[in-house]
Amino acid sequence: MPPLSILDLSSVTTGISVPQALRNSLDLARLADRLGFTRYWVAEHHNMPNIASSAPDIMIGQIAAATEHLRVGSGGVMLPNHAPLQVAERYKVLEGLFPGRIDLGLGRAPGTDPVTAYALRRRQDDPAADDFLERFQELLAFERRAFPDDHPFRNVNAMPADVPLPPLYLLGSSGYSAQLAAHIGAGFSFAHHFSDFDPAGPMTVYREQFKPSPMRSEPLAILAVHAVCADTDAEAERLATSVDLNFALRRQGRYLPIPSPEEAAAHEYSPTDRALIARNRTRLMVGTKSKIAAQLEPLIAATKADELMITTMVYDHEARKRSYVLLAEAFGLRERGSGAT
């Protein structure tokens, strides 16, 4: 089985505050460090009441300081929201503080609604432009000191200058990022947990078109999936009802805190809701550790994933921790002992 990692959005539920959601992420990271997970990535989202993760660089520093072994990274930095020099400097600082333990995952989407995206970018040149590739090339140029002699940024150094950027990963839910990641020789992570695309296609393209680079000599393809694991199928199904209702509400544009299973049971679902939930269930893994492992085997074989990254967005924090404990057992992870305090 491939290595196992975690994608955490610092989920906010109807039963906890946003600060508690952030503290829960630190608690889960300590557990993941002990259990033997490989990476712990945090996301960037804005103006979403169900997600507390709006500043991944801050969370990465906190999580890395609270753990000993995990690689900690962004899943990802939404590059359209940030000046490339700012991204370079913040992640160089993190790499300087935690050498060899930081990952820099980059995404094309703004991670929010159009109005909030405009608020994030309105003092930049063109808030409506799709300039991801330009920003990405600028980020690489700062790292490689590759600006032409007559470029105004020629003498601008991303500080600390003697610290390299962490390893780069491009995040995607279709084929574009897979091709770009292959072309520049970066890592690639496919968001199967919300994508309607078959992940086998983009991940195969990435592997077949990969060009070795100073960043990476071999391809590294990560498959991100959503899983809810429990000691019994019945308990997993009960926990997953929170996921079902939350997904149906999001598709209506209602980004509310994650409801409890009791709230989900009391909700009146429309036929459209039930159709949306059924569609999402085709990519949501729910069940015991043996059931989920059996569901994942053909997906791993089809995508040739080098690593699995699991996100679990359920109501109860202890149930979420138990889900990761069971998945660690299913994948044969070896415990490392207690993490940092």
Protein backbone atom coordinates (compact mmCIF):
# COMPACT_ATOMS: atom_id res chain seq x y z
CA MET A 1 0.00 0.00 0.00
CA PRO A 2 1.25 3.54 -0.70
CA PRO A 3 2.16 6.02 2.04
CA LEU A 4 -0.71 7.82 3.71
CA SER A 5 -1.08 11.55 4.35
CA ILE A 6 -3.74 13.99 5.59
CA LEU A 7 -5.44 17.00 4.02
CA ASP A 8 -7.04 19.17 6.72
CA LEU A 9 -9.41 22.08 6.13
CA SER A 10 -9.85 22.85 9.85
CA SER A 11 -13.53 22.04 9.63
CA VAL A 12 -15.98 24.14 11.63
CA THR A 13 -19.08 22.35 12.90
CA THR A 14 -22.31 23.52 14.47
CA GLY A 15 -20.94 22.36 17.85
CA ILE A 16 -17.60 24.20 17.99
CA SER A 17 -16.09 27.64 17.46
CA VAL A 18 -13.57 28.59 14.78
CA PRO A 19 -10.71 28.81 17.33
CA GLN A 20 -11.57 25.28 18.48
CA ALA A 21 -11.48 24.06 14.88
CA LEU A 22 -7.93 25.42 14.58
CA ARG A 23 -6.90 23.79 17.86
CA ASN A 24 -8.43 20.52 16.63
CA SER A 25 -6.08 20.67 13.64
CA LEU A 26 -3.08 20.86 15.96
CA ASP A 27 -4.45 17.93 17.96
CA LEU A 28 -5.00 15.85 14.84
CA ALA A 29 -1.53 16.69 13.54
CA ARG A 30 0.07 15.43 16.74
CA LEU A 31 -1.87 12.19 16.37
CA ALA A 32 -0.85 11.86 12.71
CA ASP A 33 2.78 12.39 13.68
CA ARG A 34 2.60 9.51 16.14
CA LEU A 35 0.69 7.21 13.80
CA GLY A 36 3.22 7.40 10.98
CA PHE A 37 1.47 9.55 8.38
CA THR A 38 3.81 11.09 5.79
CA ARG A 39 2.40 14.60 5.24
CA TYR A 40 -0.07 16.96 6.79
CA TRP A 41 -1.34 19.59 4.36
CA VAL A 42 -3.67 22.49 5.12
CA ALA A 43 -5.89 24.31 2.65
CA GLU A 44 -6.63 27.93 1.83
CA HIS A 45 -10.26 29.03 1.76
CA HIS A 46 -11.87 32.40 2.42
CA ASN A 47 -15.28 33.61 3.60
CA MET A 48 -16.52 30.08 4.27
CA PRO A 49 -18.14 29.52 7.69
CA ASN A 50 -17.47 25.77 7.49
CA ILE A 51 -13.69 26.10 6.95
CA ALA A 52 -11.31 27.85 9.36
CA SER A 53 -8.23 27.36 7.20
CA SER A 54 -7.68 30.80 5.62
CA ALA A 55 -3.95 31.29 6.32
CA PRO A 56 -2.04 28.08 5.53
CA ASP A 57 1.43 29.54 6.13
CA ILE A 58 0.50 30.43 9.73
CA MET A 59 -1.02 26.99 10.34
CA ILE A 60 1.98 25.24 8.78
CA GLY A 61 4.33 26.95 11.23
CA GLN A 62 2.13 26.01 14.18
CA ILE A 63 1.74 22.40 13.06
CA ALA A 64 5.41 21.92 12.25
CA ALA A 65 6.33 23.26 15.68
CA ALA A 66 3.90 20.84 17.33
CA THR A 67 5.20 17.76 15.50
CA GLU A 68 8.53 16.08 14.81
CA HIS A 69 8.35 13.89 11.72
CA LEU A 70 5.53 14.98 9.43
CA ARG A 71 6.15 16.93 6.27
CA VAL A 72 3.81 19.90 6.64
CA GLY A 73 2.58 21.86 3.67
CA SER A 74 -0.05 23.78 1.79
CA GLY A 75 -2.78 22.01 -0.05
CA GLY A 76 -2.57 24.61 -1.27
CA VAL A 77 -1.58 28.24 -1.59
CA MET A 78 -4.09 29.76 -4.01
CA LEU A 79 -1.52 31.64 -6.06
CA PRO A 80 -3.98 34.12 -7.69
CA ASN A 81 -4.49 35.64 -4.22
CA HIS A 82 -0.83 36.37 -3.53
CA ALA A 83 2.21 38.18 -4.86
CA PRO A 84 4.78 35.53 -5.87
CA LEU A 85 7.56 37.28 -3.92
CA GLN A 86 5.43 37.13 -0.78
CA VAL A 87 4.81 33.40 -1.25
CA ALA A 88 8.50 32.76 -1.86
CA GLU A 89 9.58 34.61 1.26
CA ARG A 90 7.00 33.11 3.58
CA TYR A 91 7.78 29.55 2.55
CA LYS A 92 11.52 30.13 2.62
CA VAL A 93 11.11 31.30 6.21
CA LEU A 94 9.17 28.13 7.01
CA GLU A 95 11.81 26.01 5.29
CA GLY A 96 14.50 27.82 7.26
CA LEU A 97 12.70 27.10 10.52
CA PHE A 98 11.84 23.48 9.70
CA PRO A 99 14.39 22.33 7.10
CA GLY A 100 13.35 19.33 5.04
CA ARG A 101 9.82 19.26 6.45
CA ILE A 102 7.89 21.86 4.41
CA ASP A 103 5.94 21.40 1.14
CA LEU A 104 4.62 24.17 -1.09
CA GLY A 105 1.47 23.10 -2.91
CA LEU A 106 0.02 25.62 -5.35
CA GLY A 107 -3.51 25.92 -6.72
CA ARG A 108 -5.11 27.93 -9.52
CA ALA A 109 -8.50 28.63 -7.95
CA PRO A 110 -9.10 31.53 -5.56
CA GLY A 111 -10.59 29.26 -2.89
CA THR A 112 -13.67 31.40 -2.45
CA ASP A 113 -16.55 33.18 -4.17
CA PRO A 114 -15.97 35.83 -6.89
CA VAL A 115 -16.66 38.84 -4.66
CA THR A 116 -14.28 37.66 -1.95
CA ALA A 117 -11.70 36.85 -4.62
CA TYR A 118 -12.01 40.42 -5.84
CA ALA A 119 -11.53 41.71 -2.28
CA LEU A 120 -8.36 39.64 -2.00
CA ARG A 121 -6.95 40.92 -5.28
CA ARG A 122 -8.50 44.34 -5.86
CA ARG A 123 -5.26 46.27 -5.33
CA GLN A 124 -3.44 44.12 -7.85
CA ASP A 125 -3.35 44.86 -11.59
CA ASP A 126 -6.37 42.89 -12.80
CA PRO A 127 -8.43 41.02 -10.20
CA ALA A 128 -10.42 39.23 -12.92
CA ALA A 129 -7.46 37.90 -14.91
CA ASP A 130 -6.45 34.23 -15.00
CA ASP A 131 -2.74 34.86 -14.53
CA PHE A 132 -1.78 31.72 -12.63
CA LEU A 133 0.88 30.71 -15.14
CA GLU A 134 2.45 34.19 -15.12
CA ARG A 135 2.54 34.22 -11.32
CA PHE A 136 3.93 30.72 -11.21
CA GLN A 137 6.72 31.61 -13.66
CA GLU A 138 7.52 34.68 -11.56
CA LEU A 139 7.75 32.52 -8.42
CA LEU A 140 10.23 30.23 -10.18
CA ALA A 141 12.19 33.20 -11.49
CA PHE A 142 12.67 34.54 -7.95
CA GLU A 143 13.92 31.14 -6.82
CA ARG A 144 16.25 30.60 -9.78
CA ARG A 145 17.40 34.22 -10.12
CA ALA A 146 16.22 33.93 -13.71
CA PHE A 147 14.93 37.42 -14.49
CA PRO A 148 16.54 39.03 -17.57
CA ASP A 149 19.19 41.70 -17.00
CA ASP A 150 16.79 44.51 -17.90
CA HIS A 151 13.91 43.23 -15.73
CA PRO A 152 12.94 45.45 -12.77
CA PHE A 153 13.03 42.42 -10.45
CA ARG A 154 16.54 41.41 -11.50
CA ASN A 155 18.11 42.54 -8.20
CA VAL A 156 15.21 41.52 -5.94
CA ASN A 157 16.08 38.57 -3.72
CA ALA A 158 13.45 36.42 -2.03
CA MET A 159 14.70 36.32 1.54
CA PRO A 160 16.21 34.41 3.21
CA ALA A 161 18.31 34.06 0.06
CA ASP A 162 20.35 31.13 1.36
CA VAL A 163 17.27 28.96 1.98
CA PRO A 164 15.67 27.12 -0.96
CA LEU A 165 11.98 27.03 -1.67
CA PRO A 166 10.35 23.88 -0.29
CA PRO A 167 9.45 21.16 -2.83
CA LEU A 168 6.74 22.35 -5.22
CA TYR A 169 3.48 20.54 -5.93
CA LEU A 170 0.76 21.62 -8.32
CA LEU A 171 -2.78 20.83 -7.26
CA GLY A 172 -5.47 20.02 -9.77
CA SER A 173 -8.90 18.56 -10.39
CA SER A 174 -8.52 18.12 -14.16
CA GLY A 175 -5.72 17.73 -16.69
CA TYR A 176 -4.20 21.23 -16.88
CA SER A 177 -2.18 21.16 -13.66
CA ALA A 178 -1.09 17.58 -14.36
CA GLN A 179 0.47 18.64 -17.65
CA LEU A 180 2.09 21.72 -16.16
CA ALA A 181 3.48 19.77 -13.20
CA ALA A 182 4.93 17.19 -15.59
CA HIS A 183 6.42 19.86 -17.85
CA ILE A 184 8.30 21.66 -15.07
CA GLY A 185 9.21 18.54 -13.09
CA ALA A 186 7.16 19.28 -9.94
CA GLY A 187 5.03 17.01 -7.79
CA PHE A 188 1.32 16.68 -8.53
CA SER A 189 -1.74 16.15 -6.33
CA PHE A 190 -5.14 15.31 -7.80
CA ALA A 191 -8.26 16.38 -5.88
CA HIS A 192 -10.44 13.30 -6.30
CA HIS A 193 -12.35 14.30 -3.15
CA PHE A 194 -14.27 16.94 -5.11
CA SER A 195 -13.44 16.44 -8.79
CA ASP A 196 -15.89 15.02 -11.31
CA PHE A 197 -12.98 13.86 -13.50
CA ASP A 198 -11.68 10.31 -13.50
CA PRO A 199 -8.32 10.69 -11.69
CA ALA A 200 -6.64 7.98 -13.76
CA GLY A 201 -6.42 10.22 -16.82
CA PRO A 202 -4.63 13.26 -15.31
CA MET A 203 -2.38 11.13 -13.12
CA THR A 204 -1.37 8.96 -16.08
CA VAL A 205 -0.67 12.05 -18.18
CA TYR A 206 1.46 13.47 -15.39
CA ARG A 207 3.53 10.33 -15.09
CA GLU A 208 3.95 9.79 -18.83
CA GLN A 209 4.89 13.41 -19.59
CA PHE A 210 7.07 14.05 -16.53
CA LYS A 211 10.39 15.77 -17.24
CA PRO A 212 13.10 15.49 -14.59
CA SER A 213 14.12 18.85 -13.14
CA PRO A 214 16.31 20.34 -10.42
CA MET A 215 13.21 20.08 -8.21
CA ARG A 216 12.53 16.39 -8.74
CA SER A 217 14.16 13.57 -10.66
CA GLU A 218 11.13 11.26 -10.54
CA PRO A 219 7.38 11.94 -10.64
CA LEU A 220 5.43 11.96 -7.39
CA ALA A 221 1.67 11.72 -7.82
CA ILE A 222 -0.58 12.12 -4.78
CA LEU A 223 -4.25 11.17 -4.87
CA ALA A 224 -6.49 13.07 -2.44
CA VAL A 225 -9.65 11.22 -1.39
CA HIS A 226 -12.45 11.76 1.13
CA ALA A 227 -12.97 8.89 3.55
CA VAL A 228 -15.06 8.28 6.66
CA CYS A 229 -13.90 5.20 8.56
CA ALA A 230 -15.37 3.72 11.74
CA ASP A 231 -15.38 0.45 13.66
CA THR A 232 -18.64 -0.61 12.01
CA ASP A 233 -20.27 0.15 8.69
CA ALA A 234 -23.34 1.43 10.53
CA GLU A 235 -21.33 3.94 12.54
CA ALA A 236 -19.45 5.10 9.44
CA GLU A 237 -22.75 5.62 7.63
CA ARG A 238 -24.09 7.59 10.58
CA LEU A 239 -21.03 9.86 10.60
CA ALA A 240 -21.22 10.30 6.83
CA THR A 241 -24.71 11.78 7.01
CA SER A 242 -23.02 15.01 8.14
CA VAL A 243 -20.93 14.91 4.95
CA ASP A 244 -24.04 14.27 2.86
CA LEU A 245 -25.99 17.24 4.20
CA ASN A 246 -22.98 19.54 4.11
CA PHE A 247 -22.37 18.63 0.46
CA ALA A 248 -26.00 19.23 -0.52
CA LEU A 249 -25.97 22.62 1.19
CA ARG A 250 -22.70 23.63 -0.47
CA ARG A 251 -24.14 22.84 -3.88
CA GLN A 252 -26.87 25.35 -3.04
CA GLY A 253 -24.21 27.94 -2.23
CA ARG A 254 -24.77 27.56 1.52
CA TYR A 255 -21.36 27.12 3.14
CA LEU A 256 -22.61 26.44 6.65
CA PRO A 257 -20.78 24.76 9.53
CA ILE A 258 -20.85 20.97 9.34
CA PRO A 259 -24.07 19.65 10.92
CA SER A 260 -24.32 16.82 13.41
CA PRO A 261 -25.69 13.42 12.39
CA GLU A 262 -28.79 14.28 14.40
CA GLU A 263 -29.27 17.50 12.44
CA ALA A 264 -28.75 15.57 9.23
CA ALA A 265 -31.35 12.98 10.23
CA ALA A 266 -33.90 15.73 10.91
CA HIS A 267 -33.29 17.56 7.62
CA GLU A 268 -35.94 17.44 4.89
CA TYR A 269 -34.10 16.45 1.72
CA SER A 270 -35.43 17.38 -1.69
CA PRO A 271 -35.10 15.02 -4.67
CA THR A 272 -32.30 17.32 -5.92
CA ASP A 273 -30.51 17.00 -2.59
CA ARG A 274 -30.69 13.22 -2.76
CA ALA A 275 -29.39 13.19 -6.33
CA LEU A 276 -26.45 15.39 -5.36
CA ILE A 277 -25.65 13.20 -2.36
CA ALA A 278 -25.79 10.04 -4.47
CA ARG A 279 -23.39 11.62 -6.94
CA ASN A 280 -20.95 12.59 -4.21
CA ARG A 281 -21.14 9.13 -2.67
CA THR A 282 -19.48 7.71 -5.82
CA ARG A 283 -16.21 9.33 -4.67
CA LEU A 284 -16.73 9.26 -0.87
CA MET A 285 -15.32 6.20 0.89
CA VAL A 286 -17.47 5.12 3.85
CA GLY A 287 -17.15 2.03 6.03
CA THR A 288 -14.84 -0.08 8.13
CA LYS A 289 -11.10 -0.09 7.51
CA SER A 290 -11.30 -3.31 5.49
CA LYS A 291 -14.16 -1.98 3.38
CA ILE A 292 -12.40 1.29 2.61
CA ALA A 293 -9.13 -0.48 1.83
CA ALA A 294 -11.02 -2.68 -0.64
CA GLN A 295 -12.60 0.40 -2.24
CA LEU A 296 -9.24 2.11 -2.58
CA GLU A 297 -7.33 -0.82 -4.10
CA PRO A 298 -8.71 -0.48 -7.66
CA LEU A 299 -8.36 3.31 -7.51
CA ILE A 300 -4.72 3.00 -6.49
CA ALA A 301 -4.12 0.48 -9.26
CA ALA A 302 -5.80 2.65 -11.91
CA THR A 303 -4.01 5.86 -10.94
CA LYS A 304 -0.68 4.31 -9.86
CA ALA A 305 -0.76 6.80 -7.00
CA ASP A 306 2.55 7.15 -5.18
CA GLU A 307 0.72 8.39 -2.10
CA LEU A 308 -2.82 8.75 -0.76
CA MET A 309 -3.92 11.92 1.01
CA ILE A 310 -7.08 11.49 3.08
CA THR A 311 -9.48 14.21 4.14
CA THR A 312 -12.20 13.44 6.67
CA MET A 313 -14.77 16.17 7.34
CA VAL A 314 -17.13 14.82 9.98
CA TYR A 315 -18.91 16.50 12.88
CA ASP A 316 -17.18 14.89 15.85
CA HIS A 317 -13.43 15.49 16.34
CA GLU A 318 -12.88 12.26 18.26
CA ALA A 319 -14.64 10.32 15.50
CA ARG A 320 -12.40 12.00 12.94
CA LYS A 321 -9.32 10.98 14.92
CA ARG A 322 -10.65 7.42 15.19
CA SER A 323 -11.15 7.36 11.42
CA TYR A 324 -7.46 8.16 10.88
CA VAL A 325 -6.37 5.60 13.48
CA LEU A 326 -8.30 2.90 11.64
CA LEU A 327 -6.94 3.97 8.25
CA ALA A 328 -3.40 3.90 9.66
CA GLU A 329 -4.04 0.32 10.77
CA ALA A 330 -5.45 -0.61 7.37
CA PHE A 331 -2.38 0.75 5.59
CA GLY A 332 0.07 -0.79 8.05
CA LEU A 333 1.58 2.49 9.24
CA ARG A 334 4.20 2.17 11.95
CA GLU A 335 3.83 4.35 15.02
CA ARG A 336 6.71 6.72 15.75
CA GLY A 337 6.11 7.41 19.41
CA SER A 338 5.06 10.72 20.93
CA GLY A 339 5.40 13.92 18.95
CA ALA A 340 6.71 17.33 20.02
CA THR A 341 4.85 19.39 22.59
